[in-house]
Amino acid sequence: MEKFVEQTLLFDFYGELLTEHQKSIYEDVVFGDLSYSEVAEEKNISRQGVHDLIKRCNKILEDYEAKLHLVKKFLIIKEKVEKIRRTADDPEQVKRISDEILEEL
């Protein structure tokens, strides 16, 4: 999976578990596409501090996913829903895929 997409999904699922400070800086760098230097100047911290915080946030988000697997489950269910859409004219196939989704939940 592309790194940006992975970061986005991890943040969508687990971002609320970060502190407000971590979220603010992470959003500026990852989603606002600001450089470490720009964020450092804006937040009055060092560039290295921004770098370390982003690295730490990525690790925190990845650790949550390793324990909870919410992104993985989401992607599996999304794939199955897309499969249902493609096979909507086959009721048996739709039922089978729907049963698989319900088992995942």
N, C-alpha and C. Protein backbone atom coordinates (compact mmCIF):
# COMPACT_ATOMS: atom_id res chain seq x y z
N MET A 1 0.85 -1.17 0.00
CA MET A 1 0.00 0.00 0.00
C MET A 1 0.90 1.24 0.00
N GLU A 2 0.51 2.24 -0.73
CA GLU A 2 1.27 3.48 -0.80
C GLU A 2 1.37 4.10 0.60
N LYS A 3 2.53 4.64 0.92
CA LYS A 3 2.80 5.16 2.27
C LYS A 3 1.78 6.22 2.69
N PHE A 4 1.46 7.15 1.79
CA PHE A 4 0.52 8.22 2.14
C PHE A 4 -0.86 7.65 2.44
N VAL A 5 -1.31 6.70 1.63
CA VAL A 5 -2.62 6.09 1.85
C VAL A 5 -2.62 5.35 3.19
N GLU A 6 -1.53 4.65 3.46
CA GLU A 6 -1.42 3.93 4.72
C GLU A 6 -1.47 4.90 5.90
N GLN A 7 -0.71 6.00 5.82
CA GLN A 7 -0.72 7.00 6.89
C GLN A 7 -2.11 7.59 7.08
N THR A 8 -2.79 7.85 5.98
CA THR A 8 -4.13 8.42 6.04
C THR A 8 -5.09 7.47 6.74
N LEU A 9 -5.08 6.21 6.34
CA LEU A 9 -5.97 5.24 6.97
C LEU A 9 -5.66 5.07 8.45
N LEU A 10 -4.39 4.94 8.78
CA LEU A 10 -4.02 4.79 10.19
C LEU A 10 -4.47 6.00 10.99
N PHE A 11 -4.28 7.19 10.44
CA PHE A 11 -4.70 8.40 11.15
C PHE A 11 -6.22 8.47 11.28
N ASP A 12 -6.93 8.09 10.22
CA ASP A 12 -8.40 8.09 10.27
C ASP A 12 -8.92 7.18 11.39
N PHE A 13 -8.30 6.03 11.55
CA PHE A 13 -8.77 5.07 12.54
C PHE A 13 -8.26 5.37 13.95
N TYR A 14 -7.03 5.82 14.07
CA TYR A 14 -6.41 5.93 15.39
C TYR A 14 -5.94 7.34 15.76
N GLY A 15 -6.13 8.29 14.89
CA GLY A 15 -5.63 9.64 15.14
C GLY A 15 -6.16 10.28 16.41
N GLU A 16 -7.39 9.96 16.77
CA GLU A 16 -7.96 10.54 17.99
C GLU A 16 -7.26 10.06 19.25
N LEU A 17 -6.44 9.03 19.13
CA LEU A 17 -5.71 8.53 20.28
C LEU A 17 -4.38 9.26 20.49
N LEU A 18 -4.03 10.12 19.55
CA LEU A 18 -2.84 10.96 19.70
C LEU A 18 -3.20 12.20 20.52
N THR A 19 -2.19 12.84 21.10
CA THR A 19 -2.45 14.10 21.81
C THR A 19 -2.79 15.19 20.80
N GLU A 20 -3.35 16.28 21.27
CA GLU A 20 -3.68 17.40 20.37
C GLU A 20 -2.41 17.94 19.70
N HIS A 21 -1.34 18.02 20.44
CA HIS A 21 -0.06 18.50 19.90
C HIS A 21 0.43 17.57 18.79
N GLN A 22 0.40 16.27 19.05
CA GLN A 22 0.83 15.29 18.05
C GLN A 22 -0.05 15.37 16.81
N LYS A 23 -1.36 15.43 17.01
CA LYS A 23 -2.29 15.50 15.88
C LYS A 23 -2.03 16.74 15.03
N SER A 24 -1.85 17.86 15.69
CA SER A 24 -1.65 19.12 14.98
C SER A 24 -0.41 19.07 14.08
N ILE A 25 0.68 18.62 14.64
CA ILE A 25 1.93 18.55 13.86
C ILE A 25 1.83 17.48 12.78
N TYR A 26 1.27 16.33 13.11
CA TYR A 26 1.12 15.25 12.13
C TYR A 26 0.28 15.71 10.94
N GLU A 27 -0.83 16.38 11.24
CA GLU A 27 -1.70 16.88 10.16
C GLU A 27 -0.97 17.89 9.29
N ASP A 28 -0.21 18.79 9.91
CA ASP A 28 0.53 19.80 9.14
C ASP A 28 1.53 19.16 8.19
N VAL A 29 2.26 18.17 8.68
CA VAL A 29 3.31 17.54 7.86
C VAL A 29 2.71 16.59 6.83
N VAL A 30 1.85 15.68 7.27
CA VAL A 30 1.35 14.63 6.38
C VAL A 30 0.26 15.14 5.45
N PHE A 31 -0.71 15.87 6.00
CA PHE A 31 -1.85 16.29 5.18
C PHE A 31 -1.70 17.71 4.64
N GLY A 32 -1.03 18.55 5.39
CA GLY A 32 -0.82 19.93 4.95
C GLY A 32 0.39 20.08 4.06
N ASP A 33 1.17 19.01 3.94
CA ASP A 33 2.35 18.97 3.08
C ASP A 33 3.34 20.08 3.42
N LEU A 34 3.42 20.42 4.71
CA LEU A 34 4.41 21.40 5.14
C LEU A 34 5.71 20.68 5.45
N SER A 35 6.80 21.37 5.26
CA SER A 35 8.11 20.77 5.57
C SER A 35 8.32 20.76 7.08
N TYR A 36 9.25 19.95 7.53
CA TYR A 36 9.59 19.92 8.95
C TYR A 36 10.02 21.31 9.41
N SER A 37 10.79 21.99 8.58
CA SER A 37 11.27 23.32 8.92
C SER A 37 10.12 24.32 9.07
N GLU A 38 9.16 24.25 8.17
CA GLU A 38 8.01 25.15 8.25
C GLU A 38 7.21 24.91 9.52
N VAL A 39 6.98 23.65 9.84
CA VAL A 39 6.22 23.33 11.04
C VAL A 39 7.01 23.72 12.28
N ALA A 40 8.31 23.46 12.26
CA ALA A 40 9.16 23.80 13.40
C ALA A 40 9.10 25.30 13.68
N GLU A 41 9.18 26.08 12.65
CA GLU A 41 9.12 27.54 12.81
C GLU A 41 7.76 27.97 13.34
N GLU A 42 6.70 27.41 12.78
CA GLU A 42 5.34 27.76 13.18
C GLU A 42 5.05 27.37 14.64
N LYS A 43 5.55 26.20 15.06
CA LYS A 43 5.26 25.69 16.40
C LYS A 43 6.35 26.06 17.41
N ASN A 44 7.37 26.74 16.92
CA ASN A 44 8.47 27.17 17.78
C ASN A 44 9.19 25.99 18.46
N ILE A 45 9.47 24.98 17.66
CA ILE A 45 10.25 23.83 18.11
C ILE A 45 11.33 23.56 17.06
N SER A 46 12.21 22.64 17.36
CA SER A 46 13.29 22.35 16.41
C SER A 46 12.80 21.47 15.26
N ARG A 47 13.50 21.53 14.15
CA ARG A 47 13.20 20.68 13.01
C ARG A 47 13.34 19.21 13.41
N GLN A 48 14.38 18.92 14.19
CA GLN A 48 14.61 17.55 14.68
C GLN A 48 13.44 17.10 15.57
N GLY A 49 12.91 18.03 16.35
CA GLY A 49 11.75 17.71 17.20
C GLY A 49 10.55 17.31 16.37
N VAL A 50 10.32 18.02 15.26
CA VAL A 50 9.21 17.68 14.36
C VAL A 50 9.46 16.30 13.75
N HIS A 51 10.68 16.08 13.28
CA HIS A 51 11.02 14.79 12.69
C HIS A 51 10.78 13.65 13.67
N ASP A 52 11.26 13.81 14.90
CA ASP A 52 11.10 12.78 15.92
C ASP A 52 9.62 12.54 16.25
N LEU A 53 8.85 13.63 16.33
CA LEU A 53 7.43 13.50 16.64
C LEU A 53 6.70 12.74 15.53
N ILE A 54 6.99 13.04 14.29
CA ILE A 54 6.34 12.35 13.17
C ILE A 54 6.70 10.87 13.20
N LYS A 55 7.96 10.58 13.43
CA LYS A 55 8.41 9.20 13.51
C LYS A 55 7.71 8.47 14.67
N ARG A 56 7.60 9.14 15.81
CA ARG A 56 6.95 8.56 16.98
C ARG A 56 5.46 8.34 16.71
N CYS A 57 4.81 9.30 16.08
CA CYS A 57 3.38 9.16 15.75
C CYS A 57 3.15 7.99 14.80
N ASN A 58 3.99 7.87 13.78
CA ASN A 58 3.86 6.74 12.85
C ASN A 58 3.98 5.42 13.60
N LYS A 59 4.91 5.35 14.52
CA LYS A 59 5.11 4.13 15.31
C LYS A 59 3.89 3.86 16.19
N ILE A 60 3.36 4.89 16.83
CA ILE A 60 2.17 4.73 17.68
C ILE A 60 1.00 4.21 16.86
N LEU A 61 0.76 4.83 15.70
CA LEU A 61 -0.37 4.43 14.85
C LEU A 61 -0.18 3.00 14.34
N GLU A 62 1.03 2.65 13.95
CA GLU A 62 1.32 1.29 13.48
C GLU A 62 1.14 0.27 14.61
N ASP A 63 1.51 0.65 15.82
CA ASP A 63 1.34 -0.25 16.96
C ASP A 63 -0.14 -0.51 17.25
N TYR A 64 -0.95 0.54 17.16
CA TYR A 64 -2.39 0.35 17.35
C TYR A 64 -2.93 -0.63 16.30
N GLU A 65 -2.52 -0.44 15.06
CA GLU A 65 -2.99 -1.33 14.00
C GLU A 65 -2.52 -2.76 14.23
N ALA A 66 -1.30 -2.94 14.69
CA ALA A 66 -0.77 -4.28 14.95
C ALA A 66 -1.58 -4.99 16.03
N LYS A 67 -2.15 -4.22 16.95
CA LYS A 67 -2.93 -4.81 18.03
C LYS A 67 -4.41 -4.96 17.68
N LEU A 68 -4.96 -3.99 16.97
CA LEU A 68 -6.41 -3.96 16.75
C LEU A 68 -6.85 -4.39 15.35
N HIS A 69 -6.01 -4.24 14.37
CA HIS A 69 -6.27 -4.67 12.98
C HIS A 69 -7.53 -4.03 12.37
N LEU A 70 -7.87 -2.83 12.77
CA LEU A 70 -9.08 -2.19 12.24
C LEU A 70 -8.93 -1.81 10.77
N VAL A 71 -7.77 -1.32 10.38
CA VAL A 71 -7.55 -0.94 8.98
C VAL A 71 -7.60 -2.19 8.11
N LYS A 72 -6.95 -3.24 8.55
CA LYS A 72 -6.95 -4.50 7.79
C LYS A 72 -8.38 -5.01 7.59
N LYS A 73 -9.17 -5.01 8.66
CA LYS A 73 -10.56 -5.47 8.56
C LYS A 73 -11.37 -4.57 7.63
N PHE A 74 -11.14 -3.26 7.75
CA PHE A 74 -11.83 -2.32 6.88
C PHE A 74 -11.54 -2.60 5.41
N LEU A 75 -10.27 -2.82 5.08
CA LEU A 75 -9.88 -3.06 3.69
C LEU A 75 -10.46 -4.38 3.18
N ILE A 76 -10.50 -5.39 4.01
CA ILE A 76 -11.09 -6.68 3.62
C ILE A 76 -12.58 -6.52 3.34
N ILE A 77 -13.28 -5.83 4.24
CA ILE A 77 -14.72 -5.64 4.05
C ILE A 77 -14.99 -4.76 2.83
N LYS A 78 -14.18 -3.74 2.63
CA LYS A 78 -14.33 -2.87 1.45
C LYS A 78 -14.20 -3.69 0.17
N GLU A 79 -13.20 -4.56 0.14
CA GLU A 79 -12.99 -5.42 -1.03
C GLU A 79 -14.20 -6.33 -1.27
N LYS A 80 -14.76 -6.87 -0.20
CA LYS A 80 -15.92 -7.76 -0.34
C LYS A 80 -17.16 -7.00 -0.80
N VAL A 81 -17.34 -5.79 -0.33
CA VAL A 81 -18.48 -4.97 -0.78
C VAL A 81 -18.34 -4.66 -2.26
N GLU A 82 -17.11 -4.36 -2.70
CA GLU A 82 -16.89 -4.12 -4.13
C GLU A 82 -17.21 -5.39 -4.94
N LYS A 83 -16.87 -6.53 -4.38
CA LYS A 83 -17.16 -7.80 -5.04
C LYS A 83 -18.68 -8.02 -5.13
N ILE A 84 -19.40 -7.65 -4.09
CA ILE A 84 -20.86 -7.75 -4.11
C ILE A 84 -21.42 -6.89 -5.23
N ARG A 85 -20.92 -5.70 -5.36
CA ARG A 85 -21.39 -4.81 -6.43
C ARG A 85 -21.18 -5.43 -7.81
N ARG A 86 -20.05 -6.10 -7.97
CA ARG A 86 -19.75 -6.71 -9.28
C ARG A 86 -20.62 -7.94 -9.55
N THR A 87 -21.05 -8.60 -8.50
CA THR A 87 -21.80 -9.85 -8.67
C THR A 87 -23.25 -9.72 -8.21
N ALA A 88 -23.78 -8.52 -8.25
CA ALA A 88 -25.14 -8.27 -7.74
C ALA A 88 -26.21 -9.08 -8.45
N ASP A 89 -25.93 -9.56 -9.64
CA ASP A 89 -26.93 -10.33 -10.38
C ASP A 89 -26.92 -11.81 -9.99
N ASP A 90 -26.05 -12.22 -9.08
CA ASP A 90 -25.97 -13.61 -8.62
C ASP A 90 -26.29 -13.64 -7.12
N PRO A 91 -27.57 -13.87 -6.78
CA PRO A 91 -27.99 -13.81 -5.37
C PRO A 91 -27.22 -14.76 -4.43
N GLU A 92 -26.86 -15.92 -4.91
CA GLU A 92 -26.13 -16.87 -4.07
C GLU A 92 -24.74 -16.34 -3.73
N GLN A 93 -24.10 -15.77 -4.73
CA GLN A 93 -22.76 -15.17 -4.51
C GLN A 93 -22.86 -14.01 -3.53
N VAL A 94 -23.89 -13.18 -3.69
CA VAL A 94 -24.08 -12.03 -2.80
C VAL A 94 -24.31 -12.51 -1.37
N LYS A 95 -25.11 -13.55 -1.20
CA LYS A 95 -25.38 -14.09 0.13
C LYS A 95 -24.09 -14.63 0.76
N ARG A 96 -23.31 -15.36 0.00
CA ARG A 96 -22.06 -15.93 0.51
C ARG A 96 -21.11 -14.82 0.98
N ILE A 97 -20.95 -13.79 0.15
CA ILE A 97 -20.04 -12.69 0.49
C ILE A 97 -20.58 -11.91 1.70
N SER A 98 -21.89 -11.72 1.74
CA SER A 98 -22.50 -11.03 2.87
C SER A 98 -22.27 -11.79 4.17
N ASP A 99 -22.38 -13.10 4.11
CA ASP A 99 -22.11 -13.94 5.28
C ASP A 99 -20.66 -13.78 5.74
N GLU A 100 -19.73 -13.71 4.78
CA GLU A 100 -18.32 -13.53 5.13
C GLU A 100 -18.11 -12.19 5.83
N ILE A 101 -18.78 -11.15 5.34
CA ILE A 101 -18.66 -9.84 5.95
C ILE A 101 -19.18 -9.87 7.38
N LEU A 102 -20.32 -10.49 7.57
CA LEU A 102 -20.89 -10.55 8.91
C LEU A 102 -19.98 -11.32 9.87
N GLU A 103 -19.31 -12.35 9.37
CA GLU A 103 -18.36 -13.10 10.22
C GLU A 103 -17.19 -12.21 10.62
N GLU A 104 -16.75 -11.34 9.71
CA GLU A 104 -15.63 -10.44 10.01
C GLU A 104 -16.00 -9.46 11.13
N LEU A 105 -17.27 -9.07 11.15
CA LEU A 105 -17.70 -8.09 12.16
C LEU A 105 -17.88 -8.78 13.48
